[in-house]
C-alpha atoms as a PDB file:
ATOM      1  CA  MET A   1       8.982  24.390  24.698  1.00  0.00           C
ATOM      2  CA  PRO A   2      11.788  24.092  22.117  1.00  0.00           C
ATOM      3  CA  THR A   3      10.964  24.286  18.438  1.00  0.00           C
ATOM      4  CA  ILE A   4      10.536  20.875  16.786  1.00  0.00           C
ATOM      5  CA  SER A   5      13.508  20.421  14.474  1.00  0.00           C
ATOM      6  CA  ALA A   6      12.201  17.317  12.643  1.00  0.00           C
ATOM      7  CA  ILE A   7       9.486  14.639  12.744  1.00  0.00           C
ATOM      8  CA  TYR A   8      10.635  11.037  12.452  1.00  0.00           C
ATOM      9  CA  VAL A   9       7.748   8.790  11.404  1.00  0.00           C
ATOM     10  CA  ARG A  10       7.974   5.008  11.618  1.00  0.00           C
ATOM     11  CA  LEU A  11       5.829   3.445   8.947  1.00  0.00           C
ATOM     12  CA  PRO A  12       4.431  -0.103   9.097  1.00  0.00           C
ATOM     13  CA  ASN A  13       6.251  -3.092   7.552  1.00  0.00           C
ATOM     14  CA  TRP A  14       3.688  -4.099   4.942  1.00  0.00           C
ATOM     15  CA  ILE A  15       3.140  -2.497   1.545  1.00  0.00           C
ATOM     16  CA  GLY A  16      -0.583  -2.209   1.972  1.00  0.00           C
ATOM     17  CA  ASP A  17      -0.249  -0.656   5.388  1.00  0.00           C
ATOM     18  CA  VAL A  18       2.198   1.942   4.135  1.00  0.00           C
ATOM     19  CA  CYS A  19      -0.297   2.880   1.400  1.00  0.00           C
ATOM     20  CA  MET A  20      -3.037   3.247   4.025  1.00  0.00           C
ATOM     21  CA  CYS A  21      -0.735   5.560   6.022  1.00  0.00           C
ATOM     22  CA  LEU A  22      -0.403   8.047   3.142  1.00  0.00           C
ATOM     23  CA  PRO A  23      -3.025  10.473   4.505  1.00  0.00           C
ATOM     24  CA  SER A  24      -1.041  10.504   7.754  1.00  0.00           C
ATOM     25  CA  LEU A  25       2.161  11.257   5.863  1.00  0.00           C
ATOM     26  CA  HIS A  26       0.426  14.063   3.991  1.00  0.00           C
ATOM     27  CA  ALA A  27      -0.724  15.543   7.310  1.00  0.00           C
ATOM     28  CA  LEU A  28       2.841  15.519   8.647  1.00  0.00           C
ATOM     29  CA  LEU A  29       4.244  17.176   5.531  1.00  0.00           C
ATOM     30  CA  GLU A  30       1.614  19.940   5.772  1.00  0.00           C
ATOM     31  CA  THR A  31       3.220  21.078   9.050  1.00  0.00           C
ATOM     32  CA  ARG A  32       6.245  22.296   7.016  1.00  0.00           C
ATOM     33  CA  ILE A  33       8.544  20.670   9.567  1.00  0.00           C
ATOM     34  CA  PRO A  34      11.189  18.340   8.038  1.00  0.00           C
ATOM     35  CA  VAL A  35       9.815  14.798   7.914  1.00  0.00           C
ATOM     36  CA  VAL A  36      12.123  11.774   8.018  1.00  0.00           C
ATOM     37  CA  VAL A  37      10.531   8.440   7.067  1.00  0.00           C
ATOM     38  CA  CYS A  38      11.738   5.265   8.784  1.00  0.00           C
ATOM     39  CA  ALA A  39      10.570   2.250   6.829  1.00  0.00           C
ATOM     40  CA  ARG A  40      11.506  -0.969   5.081  1.00  0.00           C
ATOM     41  CA  PRO A  41      13.886  -0.454   2.098  1.00  0.00           C
ATOM     42  CA  TRP A  42      11.249  -1.044  -0.594  1.00  0.00           C
ATOM     43  CA  ALA A  43       9.288   2.001   0.599  1.00  0.00           C
ATOM     44  CA  ARG A  44      12.083   4.326  -0.608  1.00  0.00           C
ATOM     45  CA  ASP A  45      10.998   3.922  -4.239  1.00  0.00           C
ATOM     46  CA  LEU A  46       7.280   4.122  -3.471  1.00  0.00           C
ATOM     47  CA  LEU A  47       7.775   7.433  -1.694  1.00  0.00           C
ATOM     48  CA  SER A  48      10.518   8.885  -3.883  1.00  0.00           C
ATOM     49  CA  ALA A  49       8.224  11.679  -5.204  1.00  0.00           C
ATOM     50  CA  TYR A  50       7.718  13.029  -1.675  1.00  0.00           C
ATOM     51  CA  PRO A  51       9.779  15.986  -0.341  1.00  0.00           C
ATOM     52  CA  LEU A  52      11.230  14.096   2.594  1.00  0.00           C
ATOM     53  CA  ALA A  53      14.071  15.347   4.796  1.00  0.00           C
ATOM     54  CA  GLY A  54      15.458  11.837   4.869  1.00  0.00           C
ATOM     55  CA  PHE A  55      14.739   8.109   4.610  1.00  0.00           C
ATOM     56  CA  VAL A  56      16.115   5.669   7.177  1.00  0.00           C
ATOM     57  CA  GLU A  57      15.940   2.008   6.232  1.00  0.00           C
ATOM     58  CA  MET A  58      14.464  -0.309   8.840  1.00  0.00           C
ATOM     59  CA  LYS A  59      15.684  -3.885   8.800  1.00  0.00           C
ATOM     60  CA  GLY A  60      13.425  -5.271  11.577  1.00  0.00           C
ATOM     61  CA  ARG A  61      16.255  -5.772  14.093  1.00  0.00           C
ATOM     62  CA  TRP A  62      15.707  -3.146  16.754  1.00  0.00           C
ATOM     63  CA  GLN A  63      19.313  -2.569  17.780  1.00  0.00           C
ATOM     64  CA  GLU A  64      20.430  -2.040  14.168  1.00  0.00           C
ATOM     65  CA  ASP A  65      17.390   0.134  13.516  1.00  0.00           C
ATOM     66  CA  ARG A  66      18.097   2.179  16.621  1.00  0.00           C
ATOM     67  CA  ALA A  67      21.689   2.764  15.436  1.00  0.00           C
ATOM     68  CA  ALA A  68      20.435   3.828  11.992  1.00  0.00           C
ATOM     69  CA  VAL A  69      17.987   6.395  13.428  1.00  0.00           C
ATOM     70  CA  HIS A  70      20.580   7.684  15.907  1.00  0.00           C
ATOM     71  CA  THR A  71      23.222   8.071  13.174  1.00  0.00           C
ATOM     72  CA  HIS A  72      20.824   9.952  10.898  1.00  0.00           C
ATOM     73  CA  ARG A  73      19.740  12.286  13.708  1.00  0.00           C
ATOM     74  CA  LYS A  74      23.320  13.098  14.638  1.00  0.00           C
ATOM     75  CA  ARG A  75      24.414  13.713  11.052  1.00  0.00           C
ATOM     76  CA  ALA A  76      21.390  15.900  10.381  1.00  0.00           C
ATOM     77  CA  ARG A  77      22.005  17.764  13.640  1.00  0.00           C
ATOM     78  CA  TYR A  78      18.390  17.753  14.690  1.00  0.00           C
ATOM     79  CA  ALA A  79      18.546  19.133  18.244  1.00  0.00           C
ATOM     80  CA  HIS A  80      14.876  18.609  19.100  1.00  0.00           C
ATOM     81  CA  PRO A  81      13.362  15.821  16.957  1.00  0.00           C
ATOM     82  CA  ARG A  82      10.078  14.116  17.715  1.00  0.00           C
ATOM     83  CA  GLY A  83       8.751  10.765  16.570  1.00  0.00           C
ATOM     84  CA  LEU A  84       5.429   9.307  15.509  1.00  0.00           C
ATOM     85  CA  LEU A  85       5.057   5.532  15.607  1.00  0.00           C
ATOM     86  CA  LEU A  86       2.365   4.127  13.363  1.00  0.00           C
ATOM     87  CA  PRO A  87       3.109   0.443  14.117  1.00  0.00           C
ATOM     88  CA  ASP A  88       1.880  -0.753  17.535  1.00  0.00           C
ATOM     89  CA  SER A  89       4.943  -2.792  18.383  1.00  0.00           C
ATOM     90  CA  LEU A  90       7.093  -2.467  21.424  1.00  0.00           C
ATOM     91  CA  SER A  91      10.260  -2.772  19.317  1.00  0.00           C
ATOM     92  CA  SER A  92       9.411   0.277  17.228  1.00  0.00           C
ATOM     93  CA  ALA A  93       9.025   2.320  20.395  1.00  0.00           C
ATOM     94  CA  MET A  94      12.341   1.055  21.690  1.00  0.00           C
ATOM     95  CA  VAL A  95      14.088   2.058  18.461  1.00  0.00           C
ATOM     96  CA  PHE A  96      13.041   5.719  18.776  1.00  0.00           C
ATOM     97  CA  LYS A  97      13.400   5.838  22.583  1.00  0.00           C
ATOM     98  CA  PHE A  98      17.017   4.670  22.559  1.00  0.00           C
ATOM     99  CA  ALA A  99      17.867   6.695  19.473  1.00  0.00           C
ATOM    100  CA  GLY A 100      16.990   9.870  21.399  1.00  0.00           C
ATOM    101  CA  VAL A 101      13.708  10.613  19.635  1.00  0.00           C
ATOM    102  CA  PRO A 102      10.830  11.180  22.101  1.00  0.00           C
ATOM    103  CA  SER A 103       7.747   9.738  20.461  1.00  0.00           C
ATOM    104  CA  ALA A 104       3.959   9.439  20.265  1.00  0.00           C
ATOM    105  CA  GLY A 105       1.925   6.408  19.325  1.00  0.00           C
ATOM    106  CA  TYR A 106      -0.805   4.057  20.471  1.00  0.00           C
ATOM    107  CA  ARG A 107      -0.464   2.546  23.920  1.00  0.00           C
ATOM    108  CA  ASP A 108      -0.499  -1.056  22.610  1.00  0.00           C
ATOM    109  CA  ASP A 109       2.002  -3.789  23.404  1.00  0.00           C
ATOM    110  CA  GLY A 110       2.838  -2.504  26.885  1.00  0.00           C
ATOM    111  CA  ARG A 111       4.832   0.464  25.643  1.00  0.00           C
ATOM    112  CA  SER A 112       3.077   3.326  27.467  1.00  0.00           C
ATOM    113  CA  LEU A 113       6.093   4.003  29.695  1.00  0.00           C
ATOM    114  CA  ILE A 114       8.367   4.247  26.678  1.00  0.00           C
ATOM    115  CA  LEU A 115       6.178   6.762  24.793  1.00  0.00           C
ATOM    116  CA  ARG A 116       6.342  10.467  25.672  1.00  0.00           C
ATOM    117  CA  TRP A 117       2.891  11.051  24.221  1.00  0.00           C
ATOM    118  CA  PRO A 118       0.822   7.818  24.445  1.00  0.00           C
ATOM    119  CA  VAL A 119      -2.517   7.895  22.617  1.00  0.00           C
ATOM    120  CA  THR A 120      -5.472   5.741  23.563  1.00  0.00           C
ATOM    121  CA  LYS A 121      -6.728   3.762  20.583  1.00  0.00           C
ATOM    122  CA  PRO A 122     -10.318   4.578  19.583  1.00  0.00           C
ATOM    123  CA  SER A 123     -13.003   2.072  18.617  1.00  0.00           C
ATOM    124  CA  ASN A 124     -11.950  -1.001  16.656  1.00  0.00           C
ATOM    125  CA  ASP A 125     -14.710  -0.132  14.184  1.00  0.00           C
ATOM    126  CA  LEU A 126     -12.428   2.329  12.430  1.00  0.00           C
ATOM    127  CA  HIS A 127     -10.861   1.522   9.092  1.00  0.00           C
ATOM    128  CA  ALA A 128      -7.082   1.231   9.244  1.00  0.00           C
ATOM    129  CA  VAL A 129      -6.698   4.525   7.349  1.00  0.00           C
ATOM    130  CA  GLU A 130      -8.890   6.265   9.912  1.00  0.00           C
ATOM    131  CA  SER A 131      -7.062   4.681  12.815  1.00  0.00           C
ATOM    132  CA  TRP A 132      -3.615   5.761  11.666  1.00  0.00           C
ATOM    133  CA  HIS A 133      -4.864   9.235  10.764  1.00  0.00           C
ATOM    134  CA  TYR A 134      -6.405   9.535  14.227  1.00  0.00           C
ATOM    135  CA  VAL A 135      -3.135   8.904  16.061  1.00  0.00           C
ATOM    136  CA  THR A 136      -1.442  11.343  13.682  1.00  0.00           C
ATOM    137  CA  THR A 137      -3.877  14.194  14.270  1.00  0.00           C
ATOM    138  CA  GLN A 138      -3.988  13.576  18.027  1.00  0.00           C
ATOM    139  CA  THR A 139      -0.205  13.744  18.120  1.00  0.00           C
ATOM    140  CA  LEU A 140      -0.029  16.963  16.079  1.00  0.00           C
ATOM    141  CA  ARG A 141      -2.545  18.616  18.410  1.00  0.00           C
ATOM    142  CA  ARG A 142      -0.506  17.634  21.470  1.00  0.00           C
ATOM    143  CA  TRP A 143       2.510  19.187  19.823  1.00  0.00           C
ATOM    144  CA  GLY A 144       0.571  22.383  19.131  1.00  0.00           C
ATOM    145  CA  LEU A 145       0.655  21.875  15.375  1.00  0.00           C
ATOM    146  CA  PRO A 146      -2.181  22.182  12.854  1.00  0.00           C
ATOM    147  CA  SER A 147      -3.885  18.955  11.886  1.00  0.00           C
ATOM    148  CA  THR A 148      -5.942  18.441   8.766  1.00  0.00           C
ATOM    149  CA  PRO A 149      -9.136  16.372   9.045  1.00  0.00           C
ATOM    150  CA  LEU A 150      -9.356  13.233   6.950  1.00  0.00           C
ATOM    151  CA  ALA A 151     -11.019  14.029   3.631  1.00  0.00           C
ATOM    152  CA  THR A 152     -14.639  12.994   3.273  1.00  0.00           C
ATOM    153  CA  THR A 153     -13.832  11.279  -0.017  1.00  0.00           C
ATOM    154  CA  ARG A 154     -11.843   8.056   0.128  1.00  0.00           C
ATOM    155  CA  LYS A 155      -8.536   8.959  -1.507  1.00  0.00           C
ATOM    156  CA  LEU A 156      -4.967   7.918  -0.629  1.00  0.00           C
ATOM    157  CA  ASP A 157      -3.456  10.184  -3.272  1.00  0.00           C
ATOM    158  CA  LEU A 158      -0.064   8.548  -3.854  1.00  0.00           C
ATOM    159  CA  TRP A 159       2.396  11.010  -5.413  1.00  0.00           C
ATOM    160  CA  LEU A 160       4.101   9.472  -8.447  1.00  0.00           C
ATOM    161  CA  SER A 161       7.273  10.849 -10.033  1.00  0.00           C
ATOM    162  CA  GLU A 162       7.974  11.255 -13.741  1.00  0.00           C
ATOM    163  CA  ARG A 163      10.275   8.250 -13.486  1.00  0.00           C
ATOM    164  CA  HIS A 164       7.441   6.156 -12.058  1.00  0.00           C
ATOM    165  CA  LEU A 165       5.150   7.202 -14.876  1.00  0.00           C
ATOM    166  CA  GLU A 166       7.754   6.513 -17.555  1.00  0.00           C
ATOM    167  CA  GLU A 167       8.760   3.116 -16.160  1.00  0.00           C
ATOM    168  CA  GLY A 168       5.125   1.997 -15.827  1.00  0.00           C
ATOM    169  CA  ARG A 169       4.196   3.119 -19.341  1.00  0.00           C
ATOM    170  CA  ARG A 170       7.316   1.507 -20.802  1.00  0.00           C
ATOM    171  CA  ALA A 171       6.425  -1.819 -19.161  1.00  0.00           C
ATOM    172  CA  MET A 172       2.951  -1.607 -20.663  1.00  0.00           C
ATOM    173  CA  LEU A 173       4.257  -0.832 -24.144  1.00  0.00           C
ATOM    174  CA  ASP A 174       6.964  -3.498 -24.006  1.00  0.00           C
ATOM    175  CA  ALA A 175       4.201  -6.072 -23.256  1.00  0.00           C
ATOM    176  CA  GLY A 176       2.340  -4.973 -26.405  1.00  0.00           C
ATOM    177  CA  LEU A 177      -0.502  -3.416 -24.417  1.00  0.00           C
ATOM    178  CA  GLU A 178      -2.559  -0.239 -24.819  1.00  0.00           C
ATOM    179  CA  GLU A 179      -3.755   1.951 -21.990  1.00  0.00           C
ATOM    180  CA  GLY A 180      -7.149   0.853 -20.760  1.00  0.00           C
ATOM    181  CA  HIS A 181      -7.217  -2.240 -22.994  1.00  0.00           C
ATOM    182  CA  PHE A 182      -6.078  -4.928 -20.539  1.00  0.00           C
ATOM    183  CA  ILE A 183      -7.079  -6.398 -17.224  1.00  0.00           C
ATOM    184  CA  LEU A 184      -4.348  -6.639 -14.607  1.00  0.00           C
ATOM    185  CA  ILE A 185      -4.784  -9.529 -12.168  1.00  0.00           C
ATOM    186  CA  ALA A 186      -2.849 -10.205  -8.948  1.00  0.00           C
ATOM    187  CA  PRO A 187      -3.449 -13.887  -8.150  1.00  0.00           C
ATOM    188  CA  THR A 188      -1.171 -13.989  -5.059  1.00  0.00           C
ATOM    189  CA  ALA A 189      -1.192 -12.675  -1.487  1.00  0.00           C
ATOM    190  CA  THR A 190       1.641 -12.883   1.016  1.00  0.00           C
ATOM    191  CA  GLY A 191       1.150 -14.844   4.234  1.00  0.00           C
ATOM    192  CA  LEU A 192      -1.896 -16.188   5.993  1.00  0.00           C
ATOM    193  CA  HIS A 193      -4.732 -14.469   7.839  1.00  0.00           C
ATOM    194  CA  ARG A 194      -5.514 -16.376  11.031  1.00  0.00           C
ATOM    195  CA  GLY A 195      -4.218 -19.518   9.395  1.00  0.00           C
ATOM    196  CA  GLN A 196      -6.289 -19.026   6.226  1.00  0.00           C
ATOM    197  CA  ILE A 197      -5.072 -18.538   2.642  1.00  0.00           C
ATOM    198  CA  LYS A 198      -5.817 -14.999   1.373  1.00  0.00           C
ATOM    199  CA  VAL A 199      -5.948 -15.938  -2.347  1.00  0.00           C
ATOM    200  CA  TRP A 200      -9.252 -16.310  -4.209  1.00  0.00           C
ATOM    201  CA  PRO A 201      -9.213 -19.902  -5.599  1.00  0.00           C
ATOM    202  CA  ASN A 202     -10.653 -19.199  -9.096  1.00  0.00           C
ATOM    203  CA  PHE A 203      -8.108 -16.984 -10.814  1.00  0.00           C
ATOM    204  CA  ASP A 204      -7.243 -19.646 -13.367  1.00  0.00           C
ATOM    205  CA  ALA A 205     -10.854 -20.255 -14.340  1.00  0.00           C
ATOM    206  CA  LEU A 206     -11.546 -16.544 -14.448  1.00  0.00           C
ATOM    207  CA  THR A 207      -8.534 -15.856 -16.653  1.00  0.00           C
ATOM    208  CA  ARG A 208      -9.452 -18.561 -19.184  1.00  0.00           C
ATOM    209  CA  GLN A 209     -13.084 -17.442 -19.232  1.00  0.00           C
ATOM    210  CA  LEU A 210     -12.205 -13.811 -19.903  1.00  0.00           C
ATOM    211  CA  GLN A 211      -9.617 -14.748 -22.525  1.00  0.00           C
ATOM    212  CA  ASP A 212     -12.275 -16.813 -24.332  1.00  0.00           C
ATOM    213  CA  GLN A 213     -14.401 -13.679 -24.386  1.00  0.00           C
ATOM    214  CA  GLY A 214     -11.602 -11.675 -26.054  1.00  0.00           C
ATOM    215  CA  TYR A 215     -10.076  -9.907 -23.059  1.00  0.00           C
ATOM    216  CA  THR A 216      -6.338  -9.468 -22.515  1.00  0.00           C
ATOM    217  CA  ILE A 217      -5.296 -10.623 -19.046  1.00  0.00           C
ATOM    218  CA  VAL A 218      -1.842  -9.907 -17.624  1.00  0.00           C
ATOM    219  CA  MET A 219      -0.130 -10.004 -14.259  1.00  0.00           C
ATOM    220  CA  CYS A 220       3.027  -8.407 -12.848  1.00  0.00           C
ATOM    221  CA  PRO A 221       3.942 -10.187  -9.580  1.00  0.00           C
ATOM    222  CA  PRO A 222       6.978  -9.335  -7.416  1.00  0.00           C
ATOM    223  CA  PRO A 223       9.995 -11.608  -7.958  1.00  0.00           C
ATOM    224  CA  GLY A 224       9.258 -13.766  -4.929  1.00  0.00           C
ATOM    225  CA  GLU A 225       5.702 -14.492  -6.042  1.00  0.00           C
ATOM    226  CA  THR A 226       6.211 -15.142  -9.750  1.00  0.00           C
ATOM    227  CA  ALA A 227       6.153 -18.952  -9.448  1.00  0.00           C
ATOM    228  CA  GLU A 228       2.958 -18.884  -7.402  1.00  0.00           C
ATOM    229  CA  ALA A 229       1.329 -16.429  -9.843  1.00  0.00           C
ATOM    230  CA  LYS A 230       2.124 -18.782 -12.739  1.00  0.00           C
ATOM    231  CA  ARG A 231       0.531 -21.709 -10.858  1.00  0.00           C
ATOM    232  CA  ASN A 232      -2.572 -19.723 -10.014  1.00  0.00           C
ATOM    233  CA  ALA A 233      -3.110 -18.242 -13.510  1.00  0.00           C
ATOM    234  CA  PRO A 234      -0.899 -20.100 -15.988  1.00  0.00           C
ATOM    235  CA  THR A 235      -2.455 -18.623 -19.153  1.00  0.00           C
ATOM    236  CA  ALA A 236      -2.177 -14.966 -18.108  1.00  0.00           C
ATOM    237  CA  GLY A 237       0.422 -12.763 -19.751  1.00  0.00           C
ATOM    238  CA  LEU A 238       3.421 -12.117 -17.534  1.00  0.00           C
ATOM    239  CA  ILE A 239       4.972  -8.643 -17.247  1.00  0.00           C
ATOM    240  CA  PRO A 240       8.442  -8.554 -15.628  1.00  0.00           C
ATOM    241  CA  SER A 241       8.446  -7.424 -11.984  1.00  0.00           C
ATOM    242  CA  LEU A 242       8.497  -3.693 -11.385  1.00  0.00           C
ATOM    243  CA  LYS A 243       9.415  -1.438  -8.481  1.00  0.00           C
ATOM    244  CA  LEU A 244       6.437  -0.190  -6.552  1.00  0.00           C
ATOM    245  CA  GLY A 245       6.146   3.259  -8.140  1.00  0.00           C
ATOM    246  CA  ALA A 246       6.127   1.870 -11.658  1.00  0.00           C
ATOM    247  CA  PHE A 247       3.733  -0.895 -10.616  1.00  0.00           C
ATOM    248  CA  ALA A 248       1.366   1.723  -9.186  1.00  0.00           C
ATOM    249  CA  THR A 249       1.486   3.474 -12.569  1.00  0.00           C
ATOM    250  CA  LEU A 250       0.696   0.154 -14.309  1.00  0.00           C
ATOM    251  CA  THR A 251      -2.436  -0.298 -12.169  1.00  0.00           C
ATOM    252  CA  ARG A 252      -3.620   3.149 -13.214  1.00  0.00           C
ATOM    253  CA  LEU A 253      -3.079   2.309 -16.913  1.00  0.00           C
ATOM    254  CA  ALA A 254      -5.081  -0.926 -16.746  1.00  0.00           C
ATOM    255  CA  GLY A 255      -8.739  -0.987 -17.665  1.00  0.00           C
ATOM    256  CA  LEU A 256      -9.339  -2.901 -14.419  1.00  0.00           C
ATOM    257  CA  VAL A 257      -7.278  -4.438 -11.603  1.00  0.00           C
ATOM    258  CA  VAL A 258      -8.597  -7.668 -10.048  1.00  0.00           C
ATOM    259  CA  CYS A 259      -6.844  -8.673  -6.840  1.00  0.00           C
ATOM    260  CA  ASN A 260      -7.107 -10.159  -3.372  1.00  0.00           C
ATOM    261  CA  ASP A 261      -7.186  -8.073  -0.213  1.00  0.00           C
ATOM    262  CA  SER A 262      -3.420  -7.666  -0.324  1.00  0.00           C
ATOM    263  CA  GLY A 263      -0.700  -5.121  -0.964  1.00  0.00           C
ATOM    264  CA  VAL A 264      -1.741  -4.837  -4.623  1.00  0.00           C
ATOM    265  CA  SER A 265      -5.233  -3.785  -3.598  1.00  0.00           C
ATOM    266  CA  HIS A 266      -3.853  -0.874  -1.626  1.00  0.00           C
ATOM    267  CA  VAL A 267      -1.243   0.156  -4.202  1.00  0.00           C
ATOM    268  CA  ALA A 268      -4.037   0.237  -6.811  1.00  0.00           C
ATOM    269  CA  ALA A 269      -6.194   2.263  -4.418  1.00  0.00           C
ATOM    270  CA  ALA A 270      -3.344   4.666  -3.786  1.00  0.00           C
ATOM    271  CA  ALA A 271      -2.858   5.132  -7.526  1.00  0.00           C
ATOM    272  CA  GLY A 272      -6.599   5.712  -8.081  1.00  0.00           C
ATOM    273  CA  ALA A 273      -6.954   2.664 -10.315  1.00  0.00           C
ATOM    274  CA  ASN A 274     -10.254   1.115 -11.372  1.00  0.00           C
ATOM    275  CA  GLN A 275     -10.224  -2.073  -9.272  1.00  0.00           C
ATOM    276  CA  LEU A 276     -12.119  -5.028  -7.899  1.00  0.00           C
ATOM    277  CA  THR A 277     -10.869  -6.511  -4.666  1.00  0.00           C
ATOM    278  CA  LEU A 278     -11.909 -10.013  -3.590  1.00  0.00           C
ATOM    279  CA  PHE A 279     -12.457 -10.935   0.056  1.00  0.00           C
ATOM    280  CA  GLY A 280     -12.780 -14.332   1.666  1.00  0.00           C
ATOM    281  CA  VAL A 281     -10.997 -14.227   5.055  1.00  0.00           C
ATOM    282  CA  THR A 282     -10.360 -10.547   5.847  1.00  0.00           C
ATOM    283  CA  GLN A 283     -12.670  -7.694   6.868  1.00  0.00           C
ATOM    284  CA  ARG A 284     -13.616  -5.255   4.136  1.00  0.00           C
ATOM    285  CA  GLU A 285     -14.630  -2.709   6.737  1.00  0.00           C
ATOM    286  CA  ARG A 286     -11.183  -2.716   8.328  1.00  0.00           C
ATOM    287  CA  THR A 287      -8.705  -3.283   5.481  1.00  0.00           C
ATOM    288  CA  GLY A 288     -10.623  -2.778   2.241  1.00  0.00           C
ATOM    289  CA  PRO A 289      -9.147  -0.407  -0.388  1.00  0.00           C
ATOM    290  CA  TRP A 290      -9.567   3.276   0.530  1.00  0.00           C
ATOM    291  CA  SER A 291     -10.634   4.564  -2.871  1.00  0.00           C
ATOM    292  CA  GLU A 292     -13.728   5.910  -4.618  1.00  0.00           C
ATOM    293  CA  THR A 293     -12.801   3.857  -7.687  1.00  0.00           C
ATOM    294  CA  ALA A 294     -12.564   0.526  -5.846  1.00  0.00           C
ATOM    295  CA  SER A 295     -15.257  -2.146  -5.672  1.00  0.00           C
ATOM    296  CA  GLY A 296     -15.283  -5.289  -3.550  1.00  0.00           C
ATOM    297  CA  LEU A 297     -16.899  -8.710  -3.443  1.00  0.00           C
ATOM    298  CA  GLY A 298     -17.002 -11.310  -0.656  1.00  0.00           C
ATOM    299  CA  SER A 299     -16.498 -11.013   3.068  1.00  0.00           C
ATOM    300  CA  ALA A 300     -14.473 -12.389   5.962  1.00  0.00           C
ATOM    301  CA  HIS A 301     -16.892 -15.370   5.980  1.00  0.00           C
ATOM    302  CA  GLY A 302     -16.583 -16.529   2.363  1.00  0.00           C
ATOM    303  CA  TRP A 303     -15.290 -15.887  -1.160  1.00  0.00           C
ATOM    304  CA  PRO A 304     -17.437 -14.688  -4.048  1.00  0.00           C
ATOM    305  CA  SER A 305     -18.297 -17.178  -6.744  1.00  0.00           C
ATOM    306  CA  LEU A 306     -16.727 -17.229 -10.228  1.00  0.00           C
ATOM    307  CA  ASP A 307     -20.026 -16.065 -11.743  1.00  0.00           C
ATOM    308  CA  GLN A 308     -20.300 -13.156  -9.318  1.00  0.00           C
ATOM    309  CA  VAL A 309     -16.813 -12.002 -10.130  1.00  0.00           C
ATOM    310  CA  SER A 310     -17.265 -12.371 -13.892  1.00  0.00           C
ATOM    311  CA  GLU A 311     -20.521 -10.388 -13.873  1.00  0.00           C
ATOM    312  CA  THR A 312     -19.006  -7.636 -11.752  1.00  0.00           C
ATOM    313  CA  ILE A 313     -15.950  -7.335 -13.971  1.00  0.00           C
ATOM    314  CA  ARG A 314     -18.096  -6.810 -17.053  1.00  0.00           C
ATOM    315  CA  ALA A 315     -20.084  -4.140 -15.189  1.00  0.00           C
ATOM    316  CA  LEU A 316     -16.905  -2.332 -14.092  1.00  0.00           C
ATOM    317  CA  LEU A 317     -15.073  -2.278 -17.409  1.00  0.00           C
ATOM    318  CA  PRO A 318     -15.263   0.924 -19.424  1.00  0.00           C
ATOM    319  CA  PRO A 319     -17.581   0.466 -22.461  1.00  0.00           C
ATOM    320  CA  ASN A 320     -15.706  -0.957 -25.449  1.00  0.00           C
ATOM    321  CA  ALA A 321     -12.383  -0.225 -23.785  1.00  0.00           C
ATOM    322  CA  VAL A 322     -10.962  -3.612 -22.913  1.00  0.00           C
ATOM    323  CA  ASN A 323     -12.460  -6.318 -25.105  1.00  0.00           C
ATOM    324  CA  ILE A 324      -9.709  -6.167 -27.705  1.00  0.00           C
ATOM    325  CA  VAL A 325      -7.504  -9.217 -28.157  1.00  0.00           C
ATOM    326  CA  HIS A 326      -3.783  -8.451 -28.396  1.00  0.00           C
ATOM    327  CA  SER A 327      -2.604 -11.715 -29.932  1.00  0.00           C
ATOM    328  CA  ALA A 328       1.022 -10.866 -29.460  1.00  0.00           C
ATOM    329  CA  ASN A 329       0.501 -10.599 -25.727  1.00  0.00           C
ATOM    330  CA  GLN A 330      -1.697 -13.654 -25.038  1.00  0.00           C
ATOM    331  CA  ASN A 331       0.377 -16.138 -23.010  1.00  0.00           C
ATOM    332  CA  HIS A 332       3.246 -13.632 -23.141  1.00  0.00           C
ATOM    333  CA  SER A 333       5.995 -14.413 -20.667  1.00  0.00           C
ATOM    334  CA  ALA A 334       9.097 -12.524 -19.663  1.00  0.00           C
END
């Protein structure tokens, strides 16, 4: 069997899913074989601290994506590459197949004949982190490579660069904030889940209540969600949008992050932030934050009440660390 020259890994298309795939990426890097990440363009910044052999941008159009992977493989002169597909889609399997990268992945979406190493998906009871790590370790074993078991502690362990740390800290200071002395909220969530809105409906009331109690509340939505964030929490301070690495740093600097079950929840978990995630339509057991410093309220059957959230926030805040009013930042906007 020829020596594997590189591992091409196709990451999912959503920010939260990429964060939940980090233990899988770590397992691939531990093989010491060059790892090339194929993912949406925004993931380049999030993963810029990782020692990757390459990054191929995926646009979501399979023929263009196939050409991008093929071009990278030819330029890098990888004679015997292999691929790992973390998404379940048929199109992702077609991209690697027709780019000349024999691949492994779950059998879903009728793609068994396209995969060189199809893996049967285990029980649906697994958390998404566990499911993606399972297909990764099963693949490495089939390739005769060492595979590291998933850690017993829930930790995504996002690697942040010095640039990420500096940009996140600078955003905090420019907003007139001090480390640990503000609550970062994320009152938006992209898309619907089975036709249901994924945003807790009481962010405005919560923000005003906490501000009346002397707490500093800020938010830092992505550019496409700024208008919605202002509607959902109009009195919260607004920090200009950041790239993902700097935003991950900001979550770590906050006294507490309060968010929906969305990308922010998983970025905060990856950064090891103190966080509270609110559920109302999604399953905590399947997509909740993978972190020892994360708490959750609600379920797929209903949102928590305003009182429940307020009480939990006060219990989660570090003693005497956040209840300081920064008058220059209240109602701050960029």
